[in-house]
Amino acid sequence: MNLYNIKDNSEQVSFAQAVRQGLGREQGLFFPDVIAPLADVDALLALPLAERSARIISHLLGDEVPAAKVSELINAAFTFPAPLVKLKDGTYALELFHGPTLAFKDFGGRFMAQCLAAFRTNDKITILTATSGDTGAAVAHAFYGLEGIEVVILYPKGKISPLQEKLFCTLGGNIRTIAIDGDFDACQALVKDAFDDEALKKAIGLNSANSINISRLLAQVCYYFEAVAQLPKADRAKAVISVPSGNFGNLTAGLIAKALGLPVKRFIAATNANDTVPRYLKTGQWEPHQTVATLSNAMDVSRPNNWPRVEELCRREGWALETLGSGMRDDAQTRAALKRLHQLDYLCEPHGAIAWDLLGEQLTEDEVGVFLCTAHPAKFKESVDEILNLNVPLPGPLAKHAELPLLSVNLPAEFARLRAFLVG
């Protein structure tokens, strides 16, 4: 598999290099130079999740990684289901929270950990990543205890849910966590500054596990095929998929699936009040506002890192950006959507509720809708309990970590302080 740097096309790397390196020159994102359509999508959709996923990834990687090795990596990573739940005629929820940290990022985080362990040399590796909530837990648990790999996770202090924080800030060992005085965009900027520091990169073997890492992105492609595989055959080509969108890795993966030949009619990019992309699609002006804290904190991103990949793929495929559906919901609308979903006997959380609400608004009579449920409702217990007047029980992984002490350190959003921490 050959990938190029979107910002500097002369930088070309293999898949293994891209996994180890994370970002390219000038903080550029790596992207496959070819996404060839799959030969027989219908036959693939008849296969179980892990077997189908291994074939999709092998197709993308070409002859760089033997098919048997890809199967081994996928089987170790994808050990949990992604069920499609019918809410009513024509509307389905794709539940992506059945992994060990109860969020969709378990797919990408676990696959990346398997890839990095397989491709690593004897050099030291330090994973530095920023999280707006769920990435931190998925990455921490995927890499916890892996020999020779240190993980440092930055998150905005006071701006993720307490249970999200507990899930990844209580592990210790090779997992170090830093509460940054700032928002997610400030955390993300610190990660980019670190990757611009060549001496630091060499000294600690810097890598990133954000959705900027291509391995995470390819893993996410697979659950879009799983969603469509569970639809009735007659409905597949009518599928509209609504994607809760923060850093836009999830939507990028869905568009890659479409480029591979998955029969999806269209996508909806669903955001909260941090609505840079919906406003851009409407006006053509890229005008990020100051990030605001919302109920759907994993989407509190005003400068989405993966958006250049969306534009690159649409340009290559000849898809007009205007064909993407989009929209935003503020906190009041999110609360109302969560209540209406519960009246349909479906317990959701703020991110999924936003995707469902925008799907219902934009779906036409001849279409079938799927919205992505990216986290277990218990990860947002405080807000879900308050909005719905419930007492959502904690699943095992959350109950265990809820009782453990936080191990995070607190730092200002200053690169010099972060650098000293990393080399110290």
Protein backbone atom coordinates (compact mmCIF):
# COMPACT_ATOMS: atom_id res chain seq x y z
CA MET A 1 0.00 0.00 0.00
CA ASN A 2 1.36 3.39 -0.96
CA LEU A 3 0.24 6.56 0.82
CA TYR A 4 1.05 10.19 0.16
CA ASN A 5 1.14 13.29 2.33
CA ILE A 6 -1.85 15.47 1.39
CA LYS A 7 0.17 18.63 2.12
CA ASP A 8 3.34 17.44 0.38
CA ASN A 9 2.60 14.85 -2.30
CA SER A 10 6.31 14.13 -2.74
CA GLU A 11 6.35 12.38 0.65
CA GLN A 12 5.34 8.79 -0.10
CA VAL A 13 5.28 6.02 2.52
CA SER A 14 4.20 2.42 2.98
CA PHE A 15 1.38 1.44 5.33
CA ALA A 16 3.84 0.26 7.99
CA GLN A 17 5.74 3.56 7.76
CA ALA A 18 2.52 5.56 8.01
CA VAL A 19 1.46 3.59 11.10
CA ARG A 20 4.84 4.16 12.79
CA GLN A 21 5.15 7.80 11.72
CA GLY A 22 1.59 9.06 12.26
CA LEU A 23 1.90 12.48 10.61
CA GLY A 24 3.84 13.59 7.55
CA ARG A 25 5.88 16.71 6.89
CA GLU A 26 4.17 20.04 7.66
CA GLN A 27 1.72 18.09 9.85
CA GLY A 28 0.27 16.58 6.68
CA LEU A 29 -2.09 13.60 6.74
CA PHE A 30 -1.27 10.39 4.90
CA PHE A 31 -3.83 9.07 2.43
CA PRO A 32 -3.91 5.99 0.15
CA ASP A 33 -2.95 6.84 -3.42
CA VAL A 34 -5.40 4.20 -4.71
CA ILE A 35 -8.77 3.08 -3.34
CA ALA A 36 -9.81 0.46 -5.87
CA PRO A 37 -13.44 -0.75 -5.73
CA LEU A 38 -13.97 -4.24 -4.33
CA ALA A 39 -14.89 -6.93 -6.84
CA ASP A 40 -17.91 -8.58 -5.20
CA VAL A 41 -19.41 -6.52 -2.41
CA ASP A 42 -22.54 -8.70 -2.13
CA ALA A 43 -20.42 -11.78 -1.43
CA LEU A 44 -18.42 -9.86 1.18
CA LEU A 45 -21.58 -8.71 2.92
CA ALA A 46 -22.56 -12.33 3.46
CA LEU A 47 -19.42 -12.99 5.56
CA PRO A 48 -18.99 -12.62 9.34
CA LEU A 49 -17.57 -9.30 10.59
CA ALA A 50 -13.97 -10.40 11.27
CA GLU A 51 -13.56 -12.44 8.08
CA ARG A 52 -15.09 -9.69 5.92
CA SER A 53 -12.97 -7.02 7.63
CA ALA A 54 -9.76 -8.95 7.05
CA ARG A 55 -10.58 -9.19 3.33
CA ILE A 56 -11.35 -5.46 3.11
CA ILE A 57 -8.11 -4.49 4.87
CA SER A 58 -6.10 -6.95 2.75
CA HIS A 59 -7.61 -5.44 -0.38
CA LEU A 60 -6.53 -1.96 0.75
CA LEU A 61 -3.03 -3.01 1.83
CA GLY A 62 -2.29 -5.04 -1.29
CA ASP A 63 0.75 -7.26 -0.99
CA GLU A 64 2.46 -5.26 1.76
CA VAL A 65 1.06 -7.45 4.55
CA PRO A 66 0.27 -11.17 3.98
CA ALA A 67 -3.44 -11.98 4.16
CA ALA A 68 -2.85 -14.45 7.01
CA LYS A 69 -1.17 -11.72 9.06
CA VAL A 70 -4.03 -9.30 8.40
CA SER A 71 -6.50 -11.94 9.59
CA GLU A 72 -4.43 -12.42 12.74
CA LEU A 73 -4.44 -8.67 13.47
CA ILE A 74 -8.18 -8.33 12.85
CA ASN A 75 -9.09 -11.40 14.90
CA ALA A 76 -7.11 -10.02 17.84
CA ALA A 77 -8.71 -6.57 17.54
CA PHE A 78 -12.35 -7.19 16.56
CA THR A 79 -13.52 -9.43 19.40
CA PHE A 80 -16.94 -7.82 19.89
CA PRO A 81 -20.06 -7.24 17.74
CA ALA A 82 -21.58 -4.13 16.14
CA PRO A 83 -25.33 -4.90 16.10
CA LEU A 84 -27.83 -2.98 13.99
CA VAL A 85 -30.94 -2.33 16.10
CA LYS A 86 -34.28 -1.51 14.48
CA LEU A 87 -36.09 1.41 16.12
CA LYS A 88 -39.02 1.56 13.72
CA ASP A 89 -39.64 0.88 10.05
CA GLY A 90 -36.85 2.43 8.05
CA THR A 91 -34.66 3.60 10.98
CA TYR A 92 -31.81 1.70 12.60
CA ALA A 93 -29.14 2.31 15.24
CA LEU A 94 -25.66 0.90 14.64
CA GLU A 95 -24.34 0.16 18.13
CA LEU A 96 -20.57 0.58 18.17
CA PHE A 97 -20.13 0.49 21.96
CA HIS A 98 -19.81 -3.22 22.71
CA GLY A 99 -16.01 -3.21 22.99
CA PRO A 100 -13.93 -3.07 26.19
CA THR A 101 -14.15 0.74 26.61
CA LEU A 102 -17.77 0.99 25.44
CA ALA A 103 -17.11 3.27 22.46
CA PHE A 104 -16.64 3.03 18.69
CA LYS A 105 -12.96 3.90 19.04
CA ASP A 106 -12.25 0.40 20.33
CA PHE A 107 -12.26 -0.74 16.68
CA GLY A 108 -9.54 1.68 15.57
CA GLY A 109 -7.57 1.74 18.81
CA ARG A 110 -7.22 -2.03 19.08
CA PHE A 111 -6.35 -2.48 15.40
CA MET A 112 -3.71 0.24 15.61
CA ALA A 113 -2.16 -1.35 18.70
CA GLN A 114 -1.96 -4.70 16.89
CA CYS A 115 -0.39 -3.04 13.83
CA LEU A 116 2.17 -1.07 15.81
CA ALA A 117 3.18 -4.11 17.81
CA ALA A 118 3.61 -6.05 14.54
CA PHE A 119 5.52 -3.32 12.67
CA ARG A 120 7.65 -1.83 15.43
CA THR A 121 11.44 -1.98 15.45
CA ASN A 122 13.50 -2.17 18.64
CA ASP A 123 13.42 1.63 18.96
CA LYS A 124 11.46 3.31 21.73
CA ILE A 125 7.90 4.35 20.87
CA THR A 126 5.94 7.08 22.61
CA ILE A 127 2.30 7.44 21.61
CA LEU A 128 1.13 11.03 22.12
CA THR A 129 -2.54 11.65 21.50
CA ALA A 130 -5.27 14.16 22.34
CA THR A 131 -8.78 13.10 23.27
CA SER A 132 -12.14 14.81 23.57
CA GLY A 133 -13.40 11.80 25.51
CA ASP A 134 -13.51 8.36 23.94
CA THR A 135 -10.18 8.13 22.10
CA GLY A 136 -8.31 8.27 25.39
CA ALA A 137 -9.95 5.18 26.83
CA ALA A 138 -9.77 3.16 23.61
CA VAL A 139 -6.07 3.94 23.09
CA ALA A 140 -5.14 3.48 26.75
CA HIS A 141 -6.74 0.06 27.02
CA ALA A 142 -5.50 -1.08 23.60
CA PHE A 143 -1.87 -0.26 24.44
CA TYR A 144 -1.90 -0.96 28.19
CA GLY A 145 0.94 -3.29 29.12
CA LEU A 146 2.45 -3.51 25.62
CA GLU A 147 6.21 -3.80 26.03
CA GLY A 148 8.36 -0.95 24.72
CA ILE A 149 5.44 1.44 24.08
CA GLU A 150 4.73 4.45 26.29
CA VAL A 151 1.41 6.29 25.93
CA VAL A 152 0.76 9.94 26.86
CA ILE A 153 -2.82 11.19 26.54
CA LEU A 154 -3.83 14.86 26.67
CA TYR A 155 -7.41 15.85 27.49
CA PRO A 156 -9.19 19.15 28.28
CA LYS A 157 -9.49 19.49 32.04
CA GLY A 158 -13.11 19.49 33.20
CA LYS A 159 -14.47 19.09 29.68
CA ILE A 160 -14.99 15.33 29.44
CA SER A 161 -17.45 13.28 31.44
CA PRO A 162 -16.21 12.01 34.84
CA LEU A 163 -16.70 8.39 33.79
CA GLN A 164 -14.83 8.92 30.51
CA GLU A 165 -11.96 10.33 32.58
CA LYS A 166 -12.00 7.45 35.05
CA LEU A 167 -11.84 4.87 32.27
CA PHE A 168 -8.40 5.92 31.03
CA CYS A 169 -6.84 8.01 33.83
CA THR A 170 -6.73 5.19 36.39
CA LEU A 171 -4.50 2.65 34.62
CA GLY A 172 -0.94 3.82 35.36
CA GLY A 173 1.91 1.65 34.11
CA ASN A 174 2.82 2.63 30.57
CA ILE A 175 -0.22 4.96 30.34
CA ARG A 176 0.33 8.58 31.44
CA THR A 177 -2.49 11.12 31.30
CA ILE A 178 -2.38 14.93 31.37
CA ALA A 179 -5.31 17.25 32.10
CA ILE A 180 -4.65 20.38 30.01
CA ASP A 181 -5.96 23.81 30.99
CA GLY A 182 -7.80 24.46 27.72
CA ASP A 183 -10.16 22.90 25.22
CA PHE A 184 -9.65 19.94 22.88
CA ASP A 185 -8.31 22.16 20.10
CA ALA A 186 -5.58 23.33 22.50
CA CYS A 187 -4.69 19.68 23.23
CA GLN A 188 -4.61 18.90 19.53
CA ALA A 189 -2.38 21.92 18.87
CA LEU A 190 0.10 20.67 21.47
CA VAL A 191 0.27 17.28 19.74
CA LYS A 192 0.95 19.01 16.41
CA ASP A 193 3.68 21.15 18.02
CA ALA A 194 5.33 17.99 19.32
CA PHE A 195 5.35 16.47 15.84
CA ASP A 196 6.99 19.62 14.48
CA ASP A 197 9.87 19.23 16.96
CA GLU A 198 12.27 16.92 15.10
CA ALA A 199 14.65 16.54 18.07
CA LEU A 200 11.79 15.51 20.33
CA LYS A 201 10.40 13.09 17.76
CA LYS A 202 13.73 11.29 17.53
CA ALA A 203 14.44 11.35 21.26
CA ILE A 204 11.19 9.64 22.32
CA GLY A 205 10.09 7.87 19.12
CA LEU A 206 6.96 9.96 18.76
CA ASN A 207 3.77 8.56 17.22
CA SER A 208 0.08 9.43 17.47
CA ALA A 209 -3.03 7.31 17.98
CA ASN A 210 -5.54 9.97 16.98
CA SER A 211 -7.66 9.29 13.92
CA ILE A 212 -4.84 11.00 12.02
CA ASN A 213 -3.15 7.56 12.13
CA ILE A 214 -4.16 5.67 9.00
CA SER A 215 -4.52 2.32 10.79
CA ARG A 216 -7.35 3.65 12.94
CA LEU A 217 -9.10 5.05 9.92
CA LEU A 218 -8.97 1.79 7.94
CA ALA A 219 -10.35 -0.17 10.89
CA GLN A 220 -13.35 2.15 11.04
CA VAL A 221 -14.17 1.46 7.37
CA CYS A 222 -15.11 -2.08 8.37
CA TYR A 223 -18.12 -1.31 10.55
CA TYR A 224 -19.86 0.57 7.75
CA PHE A 225 -19.85 -2.70 5.81
CA GLU A 226 -21.20 -4.41 8.93
CA ALA A 227 -24.07 -1.92 9.12
CA VAL A 228 -25.11 -2.44 5.51
CA ALA A 229 -24.67 -6.24 5.81
CA GLN A 230 -27.38 -6.28 8.49
CA LEU A 231 -29.89 -4.31 6.41
CA PRO A 232 -32.42 -6.15 4.24
CA LYS A 233 -30.91 -6.53 0.76
CA ALA A 234 -33.66 -4.45 -0.83
CA ASP A 235 -32.83 -1.51 1.44
CA ARG A 236 -29.05 -1.36 1.06
CA ALA A 237 -28.83 1.04 -1.87
CA LYS A 238 -31.32 3.35 -0.12
CA ALA A 239 -29.21 3.68 3.03
CA VAL A 240 -28.52 7.13 4.47
CA ILE A 241 -26.02 7.09 7.34
CA SER A 242 -25.91 9.87 9.93
CA VAL A 243 -22.50 10.21 11.60
CA PRO A 244 -21.84 12.06 14.89
CA SER A 245 -18.87 14.20 13.85
CA GLY A 246 -16.11 15.82 15.86
CA ASN A 247 -12.67 15.29 14.36
CA PHE A 248 -14.31 13.76 11.23
CA GLY A 249 -12.37 10.50 11.16
CA ASN A 250 -15.64 8.59 11.37
CA LEU A 251 -17.13 10.29 8.32
CA THR A 252 -13.86 9.87 6.40
CA ALA A 253 -14.00 6.12 7.02
CA GLY A 254 -17.59 5.99 5.77
CA LEU A 255 -16.63 7.79 2.57
CA ILE A 256 -13.73 5.37 2.02
CA ALA A 257 -16.24 2.51 2.38
CA LYS A 258 -18.40 4.16 -0.29
CA ALA A 259 -15.36 4.54 -2.58
CA LEU A 260 -14.73 0.81 -2.13
CA GLY A 261 -18.21 0.13 -3.50
CA LEU A 262 -20.38 -0.09 -0.38
CA PRO A 263 -23.94 0.76 -1.51
CA VAL A 264 -24.63 3.83 0.63
CA LYS A 265 -26.82 6.53 -0.90
CA ARG A 266 -25.44 9.42 1.15
CA PHE A 267 -24.04 10.54 4.50
CA ILE A 268 -25.04 13.19 7.03
CA ALA A 269 -22.36 14.95 9.08
CA ALA A 270 -24.04 15.64 12.43
CA THR A 271 -22.37 18.12 14.78
CA ASN A 272 -23.15 19.98 17.97
CA ALA A 273 -22.77 23.75 18.41
CA ASN A 274 -19.15 23.40 17.21
CA ASP A 275 -20.49 23.50 13.67
CA THR A 276 -17.52 24.60 11.54
CA VAL A 277 -18.24 22.02 8.82
CA PRO A 278 -22.03 22.52 8.44
CA ARG A 279 -21.45 26.27 8.14
CA TYR A 280 -18.64 25.67 5.63
CA LEU A 281 -20.83 23.41 3.49
CA LYS A 282 -23.53 26.07 3.48
CA THR A 283 -21.41 29.19 2.88
CA GLY A 284 -18.11 27.96 1.43
CA GLN A 285 -16.28 29.90 4.16
CA TRP A 286 -14.01 28.03 6.60
CA GLU A 287 -14.54 30.00 9.79
CA PRO A 288 -13.83 28.04 13.00
CA HIS A 289 -15.28 29.67 16.10
CA GLN A 290 -13.99 29.30 19.63
CA THR A 291 -14.77 25.76 20.81
CA VAL A 292 -17.69 25.62 23.24
CA ALA A 293 -18.37 22.90 25.81
CA THR A 294 -21.52 20.85 25.16
CA LEU A 295 -23.38 17.75 26.37
CA SER A 296 -21.83 15.85 23.44
CA ASN A 297 -18.25 16.60 24.49
CA ALA A 298 -16.55 14.11 22.16
CA MET A 299 -17.68 16.38 19.32
CA ASP A 300 -16.39 19.59 20.90
CA VAL A 301 -13.96 20.23 18.04
CA SER A 302 -13.87 23.44 15.99
CA ARG A 303 -10.85 22.58 13.82
CA PRO A 304 -11.40 18.96 12.73
CA ASN A 305 -8.12 17.30 11.82
CA ASN A 306 -9.55 14.85 9.32
CA TRP A 307 -11.48 17.32 7.17
CA PRO A 308 -8.61 17.57 4.60
CA ARG A 309 -9.02 13.82 3.97
CA VAL A 310 -12.75 14.30 3.31
CA GLU A 311 -12.01 17.03 0.76
CA GLU A 312 -9.21 15.01 -0.85
CA LEU A 313 -11.37 11.92 -1.30
CA CYS A 314 -14.33 13.90 -2.64
CA ARG A 315 -12.02 15.65 -5.11
CA ARG A 316 -10.56 12.35 -6.32
CA GLU A 317 -13.93 10.60 -6.60
CA GLY A 318 -15.61 13.59 -8.26
CA TRP A 319 -18.13 13.94 -5.44
CA ALA A 320 -19.41 17.46 -4.82
CA LEU A 321 -19.05 18.42 -1.16
CA GLU A 322 -22.58 19.80 -1.34
CA THR A 323 -23.90 16.23 -1.65
CA LEU A 324 -22.94 15.66 1.98
CA GLY A 325 -25.83 16.22 4.31
CA SER A 326 -25.02 18.17 7.46
CA GLY A 327 -26.51 19.97 10.39
CA MET A 328 -26.06 20.90 14.03
CA ARG A 329 -27.98 20.56 17.27
CA ASP A 330 -27.46 22.70 20.37
CA ASP A 331 -27.79 21.33 23.89
CA ALA A 332 -31.49 22.14 24.21
CA GLN A 333 -32.23 20.29 20.96
CA THR A 334 -30.01 17.41 22.10
CA ARG A 335 -31.96 17.05 25.34
CA ALA A 336 -35.25 17.02 23.45
CA ALA A 337 -33.96 14.40 20.99
CA LEU A 338 -32.74 12.17 23.81
CA LYS A 339 -36.20 12.30 25.40
CA ARG A 340 -37.98 11.48 22.13
CA LEU A 341 -35.65 8.54 21.53
CA HIS A 342 -36.41 7.23 25.01
CA GLN A 343 -40.12 7.45 24.21
CA LEU A 344 -39.35 5.02 21.35
CA ASP A 345 -37.92 2.66 24.02
CA TYR A 346 -34.35 3.31 22.93
CA LEU A 347 -31.81 4.46 25.51
CA CYS A 348 -29.16 6.60 23.84
CA GLU A 349 -26.66 9.33 24.80
CA PRO A 350 -26.08 12.86 23.44
CA HIS A 351 -23.87 12.06 20.41
CA GLY A 352 -26.16 9.37 19.03
CA ALA A 353 -29.22 11.50 19.77
CA ILE A 354 -27.86 14.33 17.60
CA ALA A 355 -27.21 11.92 14.71
CA TRP A 356 -30.72 10.44 15.06
CA ASP A 357 -32.43 13.83 15.18
CA LEU A 358 -30.71 15.12 12.04
CA LEU A 359 -31.36 11.81 10.27
CA GLY A 360 -35.09 12.11 10.97
CA GLU A 361 -35.10 15.67 9.67
CA GLN A 362 -33.32 14.89 6.41
CA LEU A 363 -34.53 11.36 5.54
CA THR A 364 -37.00 11.09 2.65
CA GLU A 365 -39.80 8.54 2.32
CA ASP A 366 -37.92 6.34 -0.14
CA GLU A 367 -34.77 6.11 2.02
CA VAL A 368 -33.66 3.94 4.93
CA GLY A 369 -31.78 5.59 7.78
CA VAL A 370 -28.92 4.41 9.98
CA PHE A 371 -27.45 6.52 12.77
CA LEU A 372 -24.22 5.67 14.58
CA CYS A 373 -24.34 5.13 18.35
CA THR A 374 -20.75 5.82 19.24
CA ALA A 375 -20.79 5.33 23.03
CA HIS A 376 -22.68 3.44 25.72
CA PRO A 377 -25.24 5.66 27.51
CA ALA A 378 -23.55 4.91 30.85
CA LYS A 379 -20.42 6.78 29.72
CA PHE A 380 -22.59 9.90 29.99
CA LYS A 381 -24.47 8.76 33.05
CA GLU A 382 -24.63 12.19 34.72
CA SER A 383 -26.35 13.92 31.79
CA VAL A 384 -28.46 10.92 30.70
CA ASP A 385 -29.73 10.35 34.25
CA GLU A 386 -30.60 14.03 34.66
CA ILE A 387 -32.30 14.45 31.26
CA LEU A 388 -34.30 11.21 31.39
CA ASN A 389 -34.80 11.00 35.17
CA LEU A 390 -33.12 7.58 35.27
CA ASN A 391 -30.40 5.76 37.14
CA VAL A 392 -28.45 4.11 34.33
CA PRO A 393 -26.54 1.11 35.73
CA LEU A 394 -22.80 1.02 35.13
CA PRO A 395 -21.51 -1.85 32.96
CA GLY A 396 -18.63 -3.86 34.41
CA PRO A 397 -15.70 -1.90 32.90
CA LEU A 398 -17.09 1.44 34.09
CA ALA A 399 -18.06 0.20 37.55
CA LYS A 400 -14.53 -1.13 38.07
CA HIS A 401 -12.74 2.08 37.07
CA ALA A 402 -15.24 4.43 38.77
CA GLU A 403 -13.83 3.37 42.15
CA LEU A 404 -10.16 3.92 41.25
CA PRO A 405 -8.22 7.15 41.92
CA LEU A 406 -7.28 9.50 39.06
CA LEU A 407 -3.57 9.43 38.19
CA SER A 408 -3.47 12.46 35.88
CA VAL A 409 -1.16 15.43 36.17
CA ASN A 410 -2.31 18.96 35.33
CA LEU A 411 -0.44 21.21 32.87
CA PRO A 412 -1.12 24.55 31.18
CA ALA A 413 -1.55 24.59 27.40
CA GLU A 414 2.13 25.44 26.89
CA PHE A 415 4.34 23.34 24.64
CA ALA A 416 7.49 24.01 26.69
CA ARG A 417 5.86 22.44 29.73
CA LEU A 418 4.63 19.45 27.75
CA ARG A 419 8.05 18.95 26.17
CA ALA A 420 9.74 18.94 29.57
CA PHE A 421 7.24 16.35 30.77
CA LEU A 422 7.83 14.11 27.74
CA VAL A 423 11.63 14.12 27.94
CA GLY A 424 11.65 13.96 31.74
